[in-house]
């Protein structure tokens, strides 16, 4: 894979894999024995290894200063105690000869390469070399797992753990006589058996640890999945909570707006019935002055009639409960009117008195016959001053503020306000409708244009509200 990567080829590995880059790659792989050349397996391997070592020594020698005074990169790597950019692959190092001598020679070769910081990968079945790798700093054991049951490799590399040769186990699986296998175990000796048992135990424990790690990783993945699910649910609940809060806030705003409108109407009502003490005192004084002027005047009478034939004499006796359409006399005004309606408890009545439609107490009415009402109208002479009694006059504010009202509510309130203002004797009032889109102003002025109590109307001066306020002059 190193050569494939350096040649720019794809390698059979994960995308995040990393490989070192080497200037030289040497390998002793395969069996180069030859009868013609009188080479045994050991000789062929050793000859190839000697050639590799010579190349490495030559690289070292080229690291000394040359005639141009330069040092090679290999020497720099060696002096800085970094691995040289050389890879050596040795298959079955020390094989093909006496195991004791072969393992000793293999240890010496590995030590030579280790001292020169050469990256080396060597395979072996020698226990002595496995122990050497375990004890020697800078060298590490590795093994490829082998499945005894299927007699096939698992292609899993275990770093830090030497492998077992599994010769006896494989022989047993292949059907070799059990007696021969037992005899081989006896020949192996207690030390060899202990070593094999130790390696087997280590591999078993290693596998158990890896299995446990796998289960832990699965549990971790499951826990991570559950965490993400809970996070998603928490996020959805938060969105739902925010939505509910926003809806509740919007509903509260709507209800608050309705309360504000109701409060505005209440304020208008309060302003109409709660005058300041000073203005109330002034109004009372004016009423008393008018009453003093009215009291001495004689009741109006028709020319040529005696005093006892005054309008007051046209009152008719009570002829039962009042009915809608009856002709009545409003005592506080001294005027005849037509009964338009009665309240549910029949304590108040709506009457049409000339251009005015007003509500009065039933006790303030007296029935008259239609003939008397007609005669009274023909013979009635308007008094010099006609003022209702003070206690029957409504207390009305000088202005009606209907900003923010709906058109229907505003027009209904305007009708009642104009009637009360006319009854109170006011000559002009202010209607505050605001500017806004102009819809409320247009509706108000449309009603004023056709109202019998309105003499004229106009916008207020700019400093007093301009087009947002209408000044209304009432008919005398």
Protein backbone atom coordinates (compact mmCIF):
# COMPACT_ATOMS: atom_id res chain seq x y z
CA UNK A 1 0.00 0.00 0.00
CA UNK A 2 2.97 2.32 0.58
CA UNK A 3 4.09 1.92 -3.02
CA UNK A 4 0.50 2.29 -4.27
CA UNK A 5 0.04 5.51 -2.31
CA UNK A 6 3.35 6.96 -3.48
CA UNK A 7 2.42 6.03 -7.05
CA UNK A 8 -0.83 7.98 -6.71
CA UNK A 9 -3.09 4.91 -6.65
CA UNK A 10 -6.11 4.34 -4.46
CA UNK A 11 -5.46 2.08 -1.49
CA UNK A 12 -7.88 -0.34 0.24
CA UNK A 13 -8.22 1.73 3.40
CA UNK A 14 -10.49 4.29 5.02
CA UNK A 15 -10.49 7.84 3.76
CA UNK A 16 -8.81 9.24 6.88
CA UNK A 17 -5.92 6.75 6.80
CA UNK A 18 -2.35 8.08 6.87
CA UNK A 19 0.81 6.57 5.36
CA UNK A 20 4.47 7.50 5.69
CA UNK A 21 6.49 8.48 2.63
CA UNK A 22 9.75 6.58 2.05
CA UNK A 23 12.64 7.22 -0.32
CA UNK A 24 13.52 3.50 -0.51
CA UNK A 25 11.56 0.32 0.11
CA UNK A 26 13.47 -2.98 0.51
CA UNK A 27 11.80 -6.38 0.84
CA UNK A 28 12.86 -9.99 1.41
CA UNK A 29 9.70 -11.94 0.64
CA UNK A 30 9.28 -15.42 -0.80
CA UNK A 31 11.58 -18.43 -1.22
CA UNK A 32 14.48 -17.86 -3.65
CA UNK A 33 16.14 -21.28 -3.18
CA UNK A 34 17.80 -22.69 -6.32
CA UNK A 35 19.33 -26.12 -6.97
CA UNK A 36 21.25 -24.76 -9.94
CA UNK A 37 22.83 -22.03 -7.79
CA UNK A 38 23.21 -24.37 -4.79
CA UNK A 39 21.06 -22.00 -2.70
CA UNK A 40 18.99 -23.25 0.21
CA UNK A 41 16.05 -21.36 1.68
CA UNK A 42 18.25 -19.88 4.37
CA UNK A 43 20.97 -18.93 1.89
CA UNK A 44 18.54 -17.21 -0.48
CA UNK A 45 16.99 -15.20 2.35
CA UNK A 46 20.36 -14.27 3.83
CA UNK A 47 21.76 -13.15 0.47
CA UNK A 48 18.85 -10.80 -0.04
CA UNK A 49 19.19 -9.42 3.50
CA UNK A 50 22.92 -8.78 2.99
CA UNK A 51 22.12 -6.76 -0.14
CA UNK A 52 19.55 -4.70 1.78
CA UNK A 53 21.99 -3.98 4.60
CA UNK A 54 24.67 -2.89 2.13
CA UNK A 55 22.25 -0.35 0.59
CA UNK A 56 21.49 1.01 4.05
CA UNK A 57 25.19 1.30 4.88
CA UNK A 58 25.78 3.06 1.58
CA UNK A 59 23.07 5.60 2.50
CA UNK A 60 24.83 6.14 5.82
CA UNK A 61 28.21 6.66 4.13
CA UNK A 62 26.68 9.20 1.72
CA UNK A 63 25.60 11.14 4.77
CA UNK A 64 29.24 12.22 5.42
CA UNK A 65 30.42 15.60 3.98
CA UNK A 66 31.20 15.45 0.26
CA UNK A 67 33.53 17.68 -1.71
CA UNK A 68 30.79 20.31 -1.92
CA UNK A 69 30.35 20.35 1.86
CA UNK A 70 26.71 19.16 1.88
CA UNK A 71 25.04 16.59 4.14
CA UNK A 72 22.40 14.25 2.89
CA UNK A 73 18.90 14.29 4.34
CA UNK A 74 19.43 10.74 5.63
CA UNK A 75 22.29 11.87 7.88
CA UNK A 76 20.22 14.79 9.17
CA UNK A 77 17.42 12.39 10.07
CA UNK A 78 19.88 10.13 11.86
CA UNK A 79 21.59 12.95 13.75
CA UNK A 80 18.22 14.32 14.88
CA UNK A 81 17.28 10.82 16.07
CA UNK A 82 14.45 10.58 13.55
CA UNK A 83 13.65 7.47 11.48
CA UNK A 84 15.43 7.34 8.11
CA UNK A 85 13.14 7.39 5.10
CA UNK A 86 13.73 3.68 4.41
CA UNK A 87 11.25 0.82 4.78
CA UNK A 88 12.50 -2.78 5.16
CA UNK A 89 10.14 -5.78 4.94
CA UNK A 90 11.53 -9.16 6.12
CA UNK A 91 9.46 -12.35 5.83
CA UNK A 92 10.27 -15.25 8.19
CA UNK A 93 13.50 -13.67 9.42
CA UNK A 94 16.07 -16.31 10.44
CA UNK A 95 14.05 -19.21 9.03
CA UNK A 96 15.51 -22.17 7.14
CA UNK A 97 18.24 -23.05 9.65
CA UNK A 98 18.67 -24.09 13.28
CA UNK A 99 16.02 -22.24 15.29
CA UNK A 100 18.46 -21.22 18.01
CA UNK A 101 21.03 -19.87 15.58
CA UNK A 102 18.36 -18.46 13.28
CA UNK A 103 16.65 -16.54 16.10
CA UNK A 104 19.99 -15.22 17.36
CA UNK A 105 20.93 -14.03 13.88
CA UNK A 106 17.50 -12.45 13.46
CA UNK A 107 17.88 -10.50 16.73
CA UNK A 108 21.25 -9.20 15.57
CA UNK A 109 19.86 -8.05 12.22
CA UNK A 110 16.92 -6.29 13.89
CA UNK A 111 19.27 -4.58 16.35
CA UNK A 112 21.42 -3.37 13.42
CA UNK A 113 18.39 -1.84 11.71
CA UNK A 114 17.06 -0.41 14.99
CA UNK A 115 20.33 1.41 15.66
CA UNK A 116 20.06 3.08 12.25
CA UNK A 117 16.44 4.13 12.83
CA UNK A 118 15.22 2.09 9.87
CA UNK A 119 11.51 1.36 9.80
CA UNK A 120 11.32 -2.45 9.69
CA UNK A 121 8.50 -5.00 9.56
CA UNK A 122 9.58 -8.62 10.17
CA UNK A 123 7.51 -11.79 10.48
CA UNK A 124 8.59 -14.83 12.51
CA UNK A 125 7.41 -17.91 14.38
CA UNK A 126 10.30 -17.81 16.85
CA UNK A 127 9.32 -17.33 20.49
CA UNK A 128 12.74 -15.82 21.20
CA UNK A 129 12.04 -13.01 18.70
CA UNK A 130 8.60 -12.44 20.24
CA UNK A 131 10.24 -12.06 23.66
CA UNK A 132 12.87 -9.75 22.14
CA UNK A 133 10.19 -7.47 20.73
CA UNK A 134 8.42 -7.42 24.08
CA UNK A 135 11.58 -6.45 25.99
CA UNK A 136 13.35 -4.18 23.49
CA UNK A 137 12.40 -0.46 23.47
CA UNK A 138 11.50 0.77 20.01
CA UNK A 139 10.16 -2.66 18.96
CA UNK A 140 6.55 -3.78 19.32
CA UNK A 141 4.80 -7.10 18.77
CA UNK A 142 1.86 -7.46 16.41
CA UNK A 143 -0.14 -10.44 15.22
CA UNK A 144 -2.86 -11.35 12.78
CA UNK A 145 -5.77 -13.17 14.41
CA UNK A 146 -6.53 -16.69 13.27
CA UNK A 147 -9.85 -18.51 13.70
CA UNK A 148 -9.11 -22.06 14.85
CA UNK A 149 -12.68 -23.20 14.21
CA UNK A 150 -12.70 -22.19 10.55
CA UNK A 151 -8.92 -22.51 10.03
CA UNK A 152 -8.95 -19.09 8.36
CA UNK A 153 -7.50 -15.67 9.20
CA UNK A 154 -9.80 -12.93 10.48
CA UNK A 155 -7.64 -10.21 8.87
CA UNK A 156 -7.63 -8.30 12.13
CA UNK A 157 -4.27 -6.92 13.27
CA UNK A 158 -3.60 -6.90 17.01
CA UNK A 159 -0.92 -4.38 17.98
CA UNK A 160 1.10 -5.16 21.13
CA UNK A 161 0.24 -8.86 21.32
CA UNK A 162 2.40 -11.64 19.83
CA UNK A 163 0.62 -14.29 17.85
CA UNK A 164 0.48 -18.04 18.38
CA UNK A 165 1.70 -20.48 15.78
CA UNK A 166 -1.32 -22.73 16.52
CA UNK A 167 0.53 -25.70 15.00
CA UNK A 168 -0.89 -28.27 17.42
CA UNK A 169 -4.40 -26.80 17.26
CA UNK A 170 -4.37 -26.78 13.45
CA UNK A 171 -3.03 -30.35 13.37
CA UNK A 172 -5.83 -31.43 15.68
CA UNK A 173 -8.48 -29.73 13.51
CA UNK A 174 -7.04 -31.36 10.41
CA UNK A 175 -7.41 -34.80 12.01
CA UNK A 176 -3.91 -35.73 13.12
CA UNK A 177 -3.88 -38.61 15.57
CA UNK A 178 -4.55 -37.34 19.07
CA UNK A 179 -1.78 -39.53 20.45
CA UNK A 180 0.73 -37.83 18.23
CA UNK A 181 -0.50 -34.41 19.31
CA UNK A 182 -0.21 -35.38 23.00
CA UNK A 183 3.30 -36.69 22.43
CA UNK A 184 4.16 -33.38 20.74
CA UNK A 185 2.95 -31.47 23.79
CA UNK A 186 5.22 -33.64 25.94
CA UNK A 187 8.17 -32.93 23.69
CA UNK A 188 7.32 -29.22 23.73
CA UNK A 189 8.15 -29.09 27.41
CA UNK A 190 6.60 -27.22 30.29
CA UNK A 191 8.14 -23.90 29.28
CA UNK A 192 6.75 -24.09 25.77
CA UNK A 193 3.34 -25.16 27.05
CA UNK A 194 3.30 -22.28 29.52
CA UNK A 195 4.21 -19.88 26.75
CA UNK A 196 1.44 -21.17 24.50
CA UNK A 197 -1.05 -21.11 27.36
CA UNK A 198 0.04 -17.58 28.25
CA UNK A 199 -0.42 -16.39 24.68
CA UNK A 200 -3.77 -18.12 24.47
CA UNK A 201 -4.90 -16.47 27.71
CA UNK A 202 -3.72 -13.08 26.52
CA UNK A 203 -5.54 -13.49 23.23
CA UNK A 204 -8.70 -14.58 25.05
CA UNK A 205 -8.52 -11.59 27.37
CA UNK A 206 -7.75 -9.31 24.44
CA UNK A 207 -10.78 -10.60 22.58
CA UNK A 208 -12.96 -10.17 25.69
CA UNK A 209 -11.74 -6.59 26.08
CA UNK A 210 -12.40 -5.85 22.43
CA UNK A 211 -15.87 -7.40 22.68
CA UNK A 212 -16.55 -5.30 25.74
CA UNK A 213 -15.28 -2.24 23.92
CA UNK A 214 -17.56 -3.04 21.01
CA UNK A 215 -20.57 -3.38 23.31
CA UNK A 216 -19.63 -0.14 25.05
CA UNK A 217 -19.33 1.61 21.71
CA UNK A 218 -22.77 0.28 20.74
CA UNK A 219 -24.21 1.45 24.06
CA UNK A 220 -22.51 4.80 23.58
CA UNK A 221 -24.00 5.08 20.10
CA UNK A 222 -27.43 4.17 21.50
CA UNK A 223 -27.02 6.68 24.32
CA UNK A 224 -25.97 9.33 21.80
CA UNK A 225 -29.02 8.52 19.68
CA UNK A 226 -31.28 8.78 22.72
CA UNK A 227 -29.60 12.07 23.67
CA UNK A 228 -30.26 13.47 20.22
CA UNK A 229 -33.87 12.25 20.39
CA UNK A 230 -34.33 13.89 23.78
CA UNK A 231 -32.70 17.05 22.47
CA UNK A 232 -35.08 17.04 19.51
CA UNK A 233 -38.08 16.50 21.79
CA UNK A 234 -36.83 19.25 24.11
CA UNK A 235 -36.48 21.56 21.12
CA UNK A 236 -40.00 20.72 19.94
CA UNK A 237 -41.39 21.23 23.45
CA UNK A 238 -39.60 24.57 23.65
CA UNK A 239 -41.08 25.63 20.31
CA UNK A 240 -44.53 24.51 21.50
CA UNK A 241 -44.05 26.40 24.79
CA UNK A 242 -43.03 29.55 22.94
CA UNK A 243 -46.02 29.15 20.61
CA UNK A 244 -48.43 28.76 23.53
CA UNK A 245 -46.90 31.78 25.28
CA UNK A 246 -47.16 33.88 22.13
CA UNK A 247 -50.77 32.82 21.59
CA UNK A 248 -51.58 33.58 25.23
CA UNK A 249 -49.81 36.93 24.94
CA UNK A 250 -51.73 37.77 21.77
CA UNK A 251 -55.01 36.79 23.44
CA UNK A 252 -54.10 38.88 26.48
CA UNK A 253 -53.29 41.82 24.19
CA UNK A 254 -56.66 41.49 22.48
CA UNK A 255 -58.45 41.34 25.83
CA UNK A 256 -56.36 44.26 27.10
CA UNK A 257 -57.29 46.29 24.02
CA UNK A 258 -60.95 45.56 24.68
CA UNK A 259 -60.51 46.61 28.31
CA UNK A 260 -58.79 49.79 27.16
CA UNK A 261 -61.66 50.61 24.82
CA UNK A 262 -64.16 49.92 27.59
CA UNK A 263 -62.14 52.09 29.95
CA UNK A 264 -62.09 54.87 27.37
CA UNK A 265 -65.87 54.73 27.13
CA UNK A 266 -66.12 54.75 30.92
CA UNK A 267 -63.83 57.76 31.07
CA UNK A 268 -66.08 59.55 28.60
CA UNK A 269 -69.12 58.74 30.72
CA UNK A 270 -67.31 59.89 33.85
CA UNK A 271 -66.17 63.09 32.15
CA UNK A 272 -69.77 63.78 31.17
CA UNK A 273 -71.12 63.46 34.71
CA UNK A 274 -68.14 64.61 36.76
CA UNK A 275 -67.45 68.28 36.22
CA UNK A 276 -64.89 70.02 38.33
CA UNK A 277 -66.17 71.77 41.42
CA UNK A 278 -65.46 75.17 39.97
CA UNK A 279 -67.32 74.51 36.70
CA UNK A 280 -70.19 72.86 38.59
CA UNK A 281 -70.48 75.86 40.89
CA UNK A 282 -70.45 78.23 37.92
CA UNK A 283 -73.14 76.19 36.15
CA UNK A 284 -75.34 76.19 39.24
CA UNK A 285 -75.00 79.93 39.59
CA UNK A 286 -75.97 80.50 35.95
CA UNK A 287 -79.02 78.26 36.36
CA UNK A 288 -80.12 80.10 39.51
CA UNK A 289 -79.76 83.42 37.70
CA UNK A 290 -81.89 82.16 34.80
CA UNK A 291 -84.53 80.76 37.16
CA UNK A 292 -84.73 84.12 38.91
CA UNK A 293 -85.44 85.77 35.55
CA UNK A 294 -88.03 83.18 34.53
CA UNK A 295 -89.99 83.02 37.79
CA UNK A 296 -91.62 86.52 37.61
CA UNK A 297 -92.82 86.04 34.04
CA UNK A 298 -96.49 85.24 33.59
CA UNK A 299 -97.42 82.09 31.77
CA UNK A 300 -97.98 82.78 28.09
CA UNK A 301 -101.60 82.97 26.92
CA UNK A 302 -103.44 83.44 23.68
CA UNK A 303 -104.60 86.96 22.81
CA UNK A 304 -108.12 87.74 24.03
CA UNK A 305 -108.13 84.90 26.56
CA UNK A 306 -108.16 85.21 30.28
CA UNK A 307 -105.29 84.20 32.43
CA UNK A 308 -106.93 80.98 33.44
CA UNK A 309 -106.96 79.87 29.83
CA UNK A 310 -103.16 79.59 29.75
CA UNK A 311 -101.43 76.66 28.26
CA UNK A 312 -101.25 75.06 31.65
CA UNK A 313 -105.03 74.74 31.62
CA UNK A 314 -104.89 72.37 28.71
CA UNK A 315 -103.62 69.53 30.86
CA UNK A 316 -105.98 66.58 30.91
CA UNK A 317 -106.75 64.38 33.84
CA UNK A 318 -105.03 61.06 34.12
CA UNK A 319 -106.90 58.51 32.07
CA UNK A 320 -104.86 55.38 32.89
CA UNK A 321 -101.30 54.21 32.09
CA UNK A 322 -99.36 56.05 29.43
CA UNK A 323 -99.24 54.41 26.00
CA UNK A 324 -96.83 54.82 23.11
CA UNK A 325 -98.17 57.53 20.81
CA UNK A 326 -99.85 59.51 23.64
CA UNK A 327 -99.55 63.26 23.68
CA UNK A 328 -97.86 64.40 26.87
CA UNK A 329 -96.52 67.54 28.43
CA UNK A 330 -92.92 67.68 29.73
CA UNK A 331 -93.38 69.60 32.96
CA UNK A 332 -89.75 70.68 33.36
CA UNK A 333 -89.77 72.25 29.87
CA UNK A 334 -93.40 73.32 29.74
CA UNK A 335 -93.57 71.78 26.25
CA UNK A 336 -95.89 69.26 24.60
CA UNK A 337 -94.32 66.11 23.18
CA UNK A 338 -95.16 62.69 21.74
CA UNK A 339 -94.48 59.54 23.77
CA UNK A 340 -92.14 57.25 21.76
CA UNK A 341 -91.31 54.51 24.24
CA UNK A 342 -91.16 53.37 27.86
CA UNK A 343 -88.42 51.63 29.85
CA UNK A 344 -88.97 48.06 31.08
CA UNK A 345 -89.96 49.25 34.56
CA UNK A 346 -92.04 52.11 33.04
CA UNK A 347 -90.14 54.63 35.17
CA UNK A 348 -88.62 56.51 32.19
CA UNK A 349 -89.96 57.52 28.80
CA UNK A 350 -88.54 58.54 25.43
CA UNK A 351 -90.38 61.54 23.97
CA UNK A 352 -90.10 63.61 20.78
CA UNK A 353 -90.22 67.27 21.77
CA UNK A 354 -89.93 69.32 18.62
CA UNK A 355 -86.54 68.45 17.10
CA UNK A 356 -85.36 66.88 20.36
CA UNK A 357 -85.66 63.25 21.26
CA UNK A 358 -85.02 62.95 24.97
CA UNK A 359 -85.51 60.53 27.87
CA UNK A 360 -87.25 61.86 30.98
CA UNK A 361 -88.73 60.51 34.18
CA UNK A 362 -92.39 59.50 33.88
CA UNK A 363 -93.16 61.72 36.88
CA UNK A 364 -92.05 64.65 34.71
CA UNK A 365 -94.86 63.91 32.19
CA UNK A 366 -98.53 64.71 32.11
CA UNK A 367 -100.98 63.32 29.57
CA UNK A 368 -102.91 65.76 27.39
CA UNK A 369 -105.58 65.01 24.83
CA UNK A 370 -104.71 65.31 21.17
CA UNK A 371 -107.23 68.16 20.85
CA UNK A 372 -105.67 69.95 23.78
CA UNK A 373 -102.18 69.29 22.42
CA UNK A 374 -103.20 70.74 19.05
CA UNK A 375 -104.88 73.71 20.65
CA UNK A 376 -101.93 74.21 22.90
CA UNK A 377 -99.65 74.26 19.92
CA UNK A 378 -101.81 76.82 18.08
CA UNK A 379 -102.24 79.06 21.09
CA UNK A 380 -98.81 78.65 22.59
CA UNK A 381 -96.60 81.68 22.73
CA UNK A 382 -92.92 80.92 23.14
CA UNK A 383 -91.67 82.12 26.49
CA UNK A 384 -88.89 84.62 26.55
CA UNK A 385 -86.57 82.04 28.15
CA UNK A 386 -87.33 78.32 28.40
CA UNK A 387 -84.89 76.54 30.72
CA UNK A 388 -85.44 73.16 32.29
CA UNK A 389 -85.16 72.85 36.01
CA UNK A 390 -81.53 72.40 37.07
CA UNK A 391 -82.07 69.01 38.69
CA UNK A 392 -83.44 67.67 35.35
CA UNK A 393 -80.55 68.90 33.22
CA UNK A 394 -77.76 66.44 32.40
CA UNK A 395 -74.19 67.34 33.27
CA UNK A 396 -72.17 67.20 30.04
CA UNK A 397 -68.43 67.58 29.38
CA UNK A 398 -67.28 70.18 26.91
CA UNK A 399 -65.75 67.55 24.63
CA UNK A 400 -66.24 63.91 23.64
CA UNK A 401 -63.01 61.93 23.08
CA UNK A 402 -63.68 58.90 20.86
CA UNK A 403 -60.15 58.17 19.60
CA UNK A 404 -59.63 54.46 19.02
CA UNK A 405 -63.38 53.69 18.97
CA UNK A 406 -65.18 51.65 16.37
CA UNK A 407 -67.38 53.68 14.05
CA UNK A 408 -70.67 52.10 15.20
CA UNK A 409 -69.92 52.69 18.88
CA UNK A 410 -68.74 56.23 18.19
CA UNK A 411 -71.86 57.24 16.23
CA UNK A 412 -74.17 55.81 18.88
CA UNK A 413 -72.33 57.68 21.62
CA UNK A 414 -72.28 60.87 19.51
CA UNK A 415 -76.08 60.83 19.18
CA UNK A 416 -76.54 60.55 22.94
CA UNK A 417 -73.88 63.18 23.61
CA UNK A 418 -75.46 65.76 21.28
CA UNK A 419 -78.89 65.27 22.88
CA UNK A 420 -77.43 65.71 26.37
CA UNK A 421 -75.42 68.75 25.28
CA UNK A 422 -78.51 70.38 23.79
CA UNK A 423 -80.54 69.66 26.93
CA UNK A 424 -77.80 71.18 29.11
CA UNK A 425 -77.99 74.41 27.10
CA UNK A 426 -74.50 74.19 25.64
CA UNK A 427 -73.90 76.23 22.48
CA UNK A 428 -70.86 74.34 21.21
CA UNK A 429 -68.90 71.16 21.91
CA UNK A 430 -65.65 69.52 20.77
CA UNK A 431 -65.57 66.07 19.18
CA UNK A 432 -62.07 64.51 19.39
CA UNK A 433 -61.84 61.71 16.81
CA UNK A 434 -58.16 61.87 15.85
CA UNK A 435 -56.70 61.88 12.36
CA UNK A 436 -55.66 58.30 11.66
CA UNK A 437 -57.07 56.98 8.39
CA UNK A 438 -59.88 59.54 8.47
CA UNK A 439 -62.65 56.92 8.53
CA UNK A 440 -63.95 57.88 11.98
CA UNK A 441 -63.74 61.61 11.17
CA UNK A 442 -65.71 61.13 7.95
CA UNK A 443 -68.42 59.09 9.69
CA UNK A 444 -68.74 61.64 12.50
CA UNK A 445 -69.01 64.61 10.16
CA UNK A 446 -71.50 62.76 7.94
CA UNK A 447 -73.78 62.34 10.95
CA UNK A 448 -73.26 65.95 12.03
CA UNK A 449 -74.21 67.19 8.56
CA UNK A 450 -77.73 65.72 8.88
CA UNK A 451 -78.30 66.12 12.60
CA UNK A 452 -81.20 68.47 13.56
CA UNK A 453 -79.37 69.77 16.65
CA UNK A 454 -76.23 70.80 14.75
CA UNK A 455 -76.05 74.32 13.38
CA UNK A 456 -72.55 74.02 11.91
CA UNK A 457 -69.22 72.30 12.43
CA UNK A 458 -65.60 72.90 11.47
CA UNK A 459 -62.08 71.64 12.18
CA UNK A 460 -60.32 72.99 15.25
CA UNK A 461 -57.40 75.41 14.84
CA UNK A 462 -54.06 73.65 14.19
CA UNK A 463 -52.78 74.41 17.70
CA UNK A 464 -55.92 72.79 19.18
CA UNK A 465 -55.86 69.56 17.16
CA UNK A 466 -56.62 70.60 13.58
CA UNK A 467 -58.44 67.94 11.54
CA UNK A 468 -58.29 65.58 14.52
CA UNK A 469 -60.92 67.67 16.35
CA UNK A 470 -64.31 68.92 15.12
CA UNK A 471 -65.90 72.02 16.72
CA UNK A 472 -69.73 71.67 16.68
CA UNK A 473 -72.10 74.62 17.14
CA UNK A 474 -75.53 73.54 18.37
CA UNK A 475 -78.86 75.02 17.34
CA UNK A 476 -80.23 77.59 19.79
